[in-house]
Amino acid sequence: MSHSHVRIGILVFPGSNCDQDCHHALTHVLGASAEFIWHKTETLPKLDAIVIPGGFSYGDYLRTGAIARFSPVMAPVVRFAEGGGLILGICNGFQILLEAGLLPGVMLRNRGLSFICRDVHVRVENSATSFTERLHEGQVLTLPIAHAEGNYYADYETLSSLNAQRRILFRYCTADGTVTPESNPNGSLENIAGILNDQGNVLGMMPHPERCAESILGNDAGKFILMSMLDKVRAGDHTSMPAARG
């Protein structure tokens, strides 16, 4: 199934360092059309989806994502989300989505107060979403993480809502899919590795699917998350969003 007509915008902030990885995975591996969107952009081109990549936007000063949230590009991005456009935020992108209010909760320093860069196991909690339809519930993926602030926290009401609405998409787990304290790399509440907004069109996740999207890397589990998003757009469930001025 060709994704050549799917148009993806990849945001670029000062300090982004996974934008090229996302571009490679989406274009060279999966055959979509992707373009970089600079943080000072006030008008988005016509896009089918947006990816906010990982990195250290604005040097992670104040809090991760706190300054990026006020970049000119975020005003049209928020409207894109409100209009139903698909947005995938990865690592720092997840942190930016939290700061922008597009996802609930906050991100704290890792439990061990150190930067973690390694592969982890995550369990798919809901396969009936725009980002997980190529996966099955209970499936265990091996994905890389690389962060110092991945300790997700939310209040009781928010957590209850996330659980009740099945908006927790990924949880850290053991290789056999058991969710345990030991399998939680950063202290994240309820082993949460990725959550969805209430409309179902915005996903924030700490693991990096773009870093394991082709077999030459020894693991292509991440491509199924990206392909699910591309499939959803191609199927016409989410129409292209028109240009929006900030």
Protein backbone atom coordinates (compact mmCIF):
# COMPACT_ATOMS: atom_id res chain seq x y z
CA MET A 1 0.00 0.00 0.00
CA SER A 2 1.55 3.27 -1.13
CA HIS A 3 1.79 6.26 1.17
CA SER A 4 3.35 8.55 -1.43
CA HIS A 5 0.49 11.06 -1.31
CA VAL A 6 0.47 11.32 2.47
CA ARG A 7 1.91 14.68 3.52
CA ILE A 8 3.67 14.85 6.88
CA GLY A 9 5.06 17.96 8.55
CA ILE A 10 8.04 17.47 10.87
CA LEU A 11 8.51 20.35 13.31
CA VAL A 12 12.05 21.61 13.86
CA PHE A 13 13.04 23.64 16.93
CA PRO A 14 16.51 24.84 17.95
CA GLY A 15 17.80 21.69 19.62
CA SER A 16 15.69 19.13 17.74
CA ASN A 17 17.90 16.15 16.96
CA CYS A 18 15.55 13.42 15.75
CA ASP A 19 13.97 15.35 12.88
CA GLN A 20 16.22 13.72 10.27
CA ASP A 21 15.54 10.28 11.74
CA CYS A 22 11.79 10.85 11.44
CA HIS A 23 12.16 12.16 7.90
CA HIS A 24 14.21 9.11 6.86
CA ALA A 25 11.76 6.64 8.39
CA LEU A 26 8.71 8.31 6.87
CA THR A 27 10.09 8.98 3.39
CA HIS A 28 12.88 6.51 2.59
CA VAL A 29 11.47 3.58 4.54
CA LEU A 30 7.70 4.05 4.36
CA GLY A 31 7.38 6.11 1.20
CA ALA A 32 5.43 9.08 2.52
CA SER A 33 6.07 12.71 1.62
CA ALA A 34 7.53 14.68 4.53
CA GLU A 35 8.78 18.22 4.92
CA PHE A 36 10.45 20.12 7.73
CA ILE A 37 8.49 22.92 9.42
CA TRP A 38 10.68 25.54 11.13
CA HIS A 39 9.61 26.73 14.58
CA LYS A 40 9.07 30.32 13.42
CA THR A 41 6.53 29.26 10.81
CA GLU A 42 3.16 30.94 11.35
CA THR A 43 1.28 29.29 8.49
CA LEU A 44 1.23 25.54 7.97
CA PRO A 45 1.15 24.11 4.47
CA LYS A 46 -1.55 21.56 3.70
CA LEU A 47 -0.68 18.50 5.79
CA ASP A 48 -2.20 15.15 6.63
CA ALA A 49 -0.31 14.73 9.88
CA ILE A 50 2.38 16.34 12.04
CA VAL A 51 5.31 14.75 13.85
CA ILE A 52 7.00 16.57 16.72
CA PRO A 53 10.37 14.82 17.01
CA GLY A 54 12.68 14.25 19.93
CA GLY A 55 15.63 16.35 20.97
CA PHE A 56 16.35 19.16 23.40
CA SER A 57 14.24 22.05 22.15
CA TYR A 58 15.72 25.35 23.36
CA GLY A 59 18.26 23.38 25.39
CA ASP A 60 15.54 22.08 27.73
CA TYR A 61 15.77 25.34 29.70
CA LEU A 62 13.09 25.96 32.35
CA ARG A 63 11.33 22.62 31.71
CA THR A 64 11.45 20.28 28.76
CA GLY A 65 9.15 21.71 26.10
CA ALA A 66 8.28 24.81 28.12
CA ILE A 67 9.83 27.30 25.70
CA ALA A 68 8.94 25.39 22.52
CA ARG A 69 5.31 25.61 23.56
CA PHE A 70 5.44 29.37 22.84
CA SER A 71 7.05 29.09 19.40
CA PRO A 72 5.02 30.73 16.59
CA VAL A 73 4.42 27.36 14.93
CA MET A 74 2.50 26.01 17.92
CA ALA A 75 -0.56 28.24 17.39
CA PRO A 76 -1.43 26.65 14.02
CA VAL A 77 -0.40 23.25 15.38
CA VAL A 78 -2.96 23.58 18.18
CA ARG A 79 -5.62 24.49 15.63
CA PHE A 80 -4.56 21.56 13.47
CA ALA A 81 -5.13 19.26 16.46
CA GLU A 82 -8.45 20.89 17.33
CA GLY A 83 -9.56 20.28 13.74
CA GLY A 84 -8.85 16.57 14.02
CA GLY A 85 -5.41 16.43 12.39
CA LEU A 86 -3.15 13.59 13.49
CA ILE A 87 -0.16 14.57 15.62
CA LEU A 88 2.57 12.25 16.90
CA GLY A 89 4.89 13.66 19.57
CA ILE A 90 7.99 11.57 20.32
CA CYS A 91 10.07 12.06 23.49
CA ASN A 92 10.68 15.84 23.55
CA GLY A 93 7.67 16.05 21.25
CA PHE A 94 5.57 14.37 23.96
CA GLN A 95 6.91 16.88 26.47
CA ILE A 96 5.97 19.78 24.15
CA LEU A 97 2.44 18.40 23.72
CA LEU A 98 2.05 18.32 27.51
CA GLU A 99 3.27 21.89 27.88
CA ALA A 100 0.95 23.03 25.07
CA GLY A 101 -2.05 21.49 26.78
CA LEU A 102 -2.74 19.10 23.89
CA LEU A 103 -2.23 16.19 26.28
CA PRO A 104 -2.94 16.05 30.03
CA GLY A 105 -0.36 15.60 32.78
CA VAL A 106 3.25 16.63 33.27
CA MET A 107 6.70 15.16 32.82
CA LEU A 108 9.10 14.89 35.78
CA ARG A 109 12.77 14.00 36.04
CA ASN A 110 13.52 10.32 35.81
CA ARG A 111 13.26 8.49 39.11
CA GLY A 112 17.03 7.92 39.16
CA LEU A 113 17.77 11.54 38.14
CA SER A 114 19.91 10.33 35.25
CA PHE A 115 19.66 10.24 31.48
CA ILE A 116 18.56 6.81 30.18
CA CYS A 117 19.39 5.54 26.70
CA ARG A 118 18.53 1.90 26.04
CA ASP A 119 15.95 -0.45 24.61
CA VAL A 120 12.83 -1.13 26.65
CA HIS A 121 9.76 -3.32 26.27
CA VAL A 122 6.33 -1.73 25.99
CA ARG A 123 2.92 -3.40 25.89
CA VAL A 124 0.21 -2.25 23.50
CA GLU A 125 -2.83 -1.41 25.62
CA ASN A 126 -5.26 -0.39 22.87
CA SER A 127 -4.99 -1.40 19.22
CA ALA A 128 -8.17 0.40 18.08
CA THR A 129 -6.54 3.81 17.53
CA SER A 130 -5.12 5.79 14.63
CA PHE A 131 -1.60 4.94 15.79
CA THR A 132 -1.90 1.26 16.72
CA GLU A 133 -4.19 -0.45 14.21
CA ARG A 134 -1.25 -2.42 12.77
CA LEU A 135 -0.63 -3.84 16.23
CA HIS A 136 -2.68 -6.05 18.52
CA GLU A 137 -3.65 -5.53 22.13
CA GLY A 138 -1.16 -7.12 24.49
CA GLN A 139 1.60 -7.15 21.89
CA VAL A 140 5.07 -6.40 23.28
CA LEU A 141 7.33 -4.07 21.32
CA THR A 142 11.01 -3.44 21.86
CA LEU A 143 11.67 0.28 21.39
CA PRO A 144 14.58 2.58 22.32
CA ILE A 145 14.27 5.39 24.86
CA ALA A 146 16.64 8.33 25.38
CA HIS A 147 15.51 10.86 27.96
CA ALA A 148 16.15 12.42 31.35
CA GLU A 149 12.57 13.61 31.93
CA GLY A 150 10.28 10.72 31.07
CA ASN A 151 8.58 10.27 34.43
CA TYR A 152 4.93 10.86 33.52
CA TYR A 153 2.64 12.15 36.25
CA ALA A 154 -1.04 13.15 36.39
CA ASP A 155 -3.58 13.70 39.14
CA TYR A 156 -6.11 11.06 40.16
CA GLU A 157 -8.94 12.44 38.01
CA THR A 158 -6.77 12.60 34.91
CA LEU A 159 -5.39 9.11 35.45
CA SER A 160 -8.88 7.73 36.00
CA SER A 161 -10.06 9.34 32.76
CA LEU A 162 -7.08 7.99 30.81
CA ASN A 163 -7.81 4.49 32.03
CA ALA A 164 -11.58 4.65 31.60
CA GLN A 165 -11.31 5.96 28.04
CA ARG A 166 -8.48 3.55 27.13
CA ARG A 167 -6.20 6.45 26.26
CA ILE A 168 -3.08 4.84 27.68
CA LEU A 169 -1.62 3.26 24.54
CA PHE A 170 1.71 1.91 25.81
CA ARG A 171 3.03 0.71 29.16
CA TYR A 172 6.58 -0.29 30.07
CA CYS A 173 6.70 -4.03 30.73
CA THR A 174 8.89 -7.13 30.83
CA ALA A 175 9.72 -9.12 27.70
CA ASP A 176 6.70 -11.35 28.33
CA GLY A 177 4.32 -8.40 28.72
CA THR A 178 4.09 -8.21 32.51
CA VAL A 179 3.87 -4.68 33.90
CA THR A 180 6.17 -4.52 36.92
CA PRO A 181 7.96 -1.82 38.91
CA GLU A 182 11.29 -3.25 37.72
CA SER A 183 10.31 -2.86 34.06
CA ASN A 184 9.60 0.85 34.58
CA PRO A 185 12.76 2.70 33.51
CA ASN A 186 11.89 6.18 34.74
CA GLY A 187 9.26 5.96 37.49
CA SER A 188 6.39 6.92 35.20
CA LEU A 189 2.96 6.67 36.81
CA GLU A 190 1.41 3.24 36.14
CA ASN A 191 4.35 2.47 33.79
CA ILE A 192 2.86 4.85 31.22
CA ALA A 193 4.95 5.17 28.05
CA GLY A 194 2.40 6.81 25.75
CA ILE A 195 -1.03 8.47 25.95
CA LEU A 196 -3.74 9.71 23.60
CA ASN A 197 -5.85 12.87 23.78
CA ASP A 198 -9.61 12.65 24.25
CA GLN A 199 -10.30 13.13 20.52
CA GLY A 200 -7.97 10.26 19.66
CA ASN A 201 -5.87 12.22 17.18
CA VAL A 202 -2.85 13.25 19.29
CA LEU A 203 -0.36 10.70 20.63
CA GLY A 204 2.57 11.44 22.90
CA MET A 205 5.09 8.68 23.58
CA MET A 206 8.55 8.59 25.13
CA PRO A 207 10.03 5.64 23.13
CA HIS A 208 11.36 6.35 19.63
CA PRO A 209 9.57 4.38 16.88
CA GLU A 210 11.58 6.16 14.17
CA ARG A 211 14.81 4.70 15.53
CA CYS A 212 13.66 1.14 14.92
CA ALA A 213 11.65 1.37 11.71
CA GLU A 214 13.71 -0.83 9.37
CA SER A 215 15.12 -4.33 9.57
CA ILE A 216 18.70 -3.25 8.84
CA LEU A 217 18.74 -1.83 12.38
CA GLY A 218 17.91 -5.25 13.79
CA ASN A 219 14.42 -4.22 14.88
CA ASP A 220 11.59 -2.71 12.86
CA ALA A 221 8.84 -2.72 15.52
CA GLY A 222 8.52 1.05 15.42
CA LYS A 223 7.43 1.15 11.80
CA PHE A 224 4.04 -0.33 12.66
CA ILE A 225 3.18 2.73 14.74
CA LEU A 226 4.18 5.05 11.90
CA MET A 227 2.41 2.87 9.31
CA SER A 228 -0.79 2.87 11.37
CA MET A 229 -0.79 6.68 11.25
CA LEU A 230 -0.12 6.71 7.51
CA ASP A 231 -2.80 4.09 6.88
CA LYS A 232 -5.37 6.15 8.76
CA VAL A 233 -4.65 9.23 6.69
CA ARG A 234 -4.63 7.29 3.41
CA ALA A 235 -7.95 5.67 4.26
CA GLY A 236 -9.48 9.14 4.45
CA ASP A 237 -10.54 8.87 8.08
CA HIS A 238 -8.64 12.10 8.66
CA THR A 239 -8.79 14.60 5.80
CA SER A 240 -5.93 16.94 4.95
CA MET A 241 -5.99 20.08 7.05
CA PRO A 242 -5.80 23.39 5.16
CA ALA A 243 -3.14 25.96 5.76
CA ALA A 244 -3.64 27.78 9.05
CA ARG A 245 -2.19 31.16 9.99
CA GLY A 246 -0.87 31.74 13.49
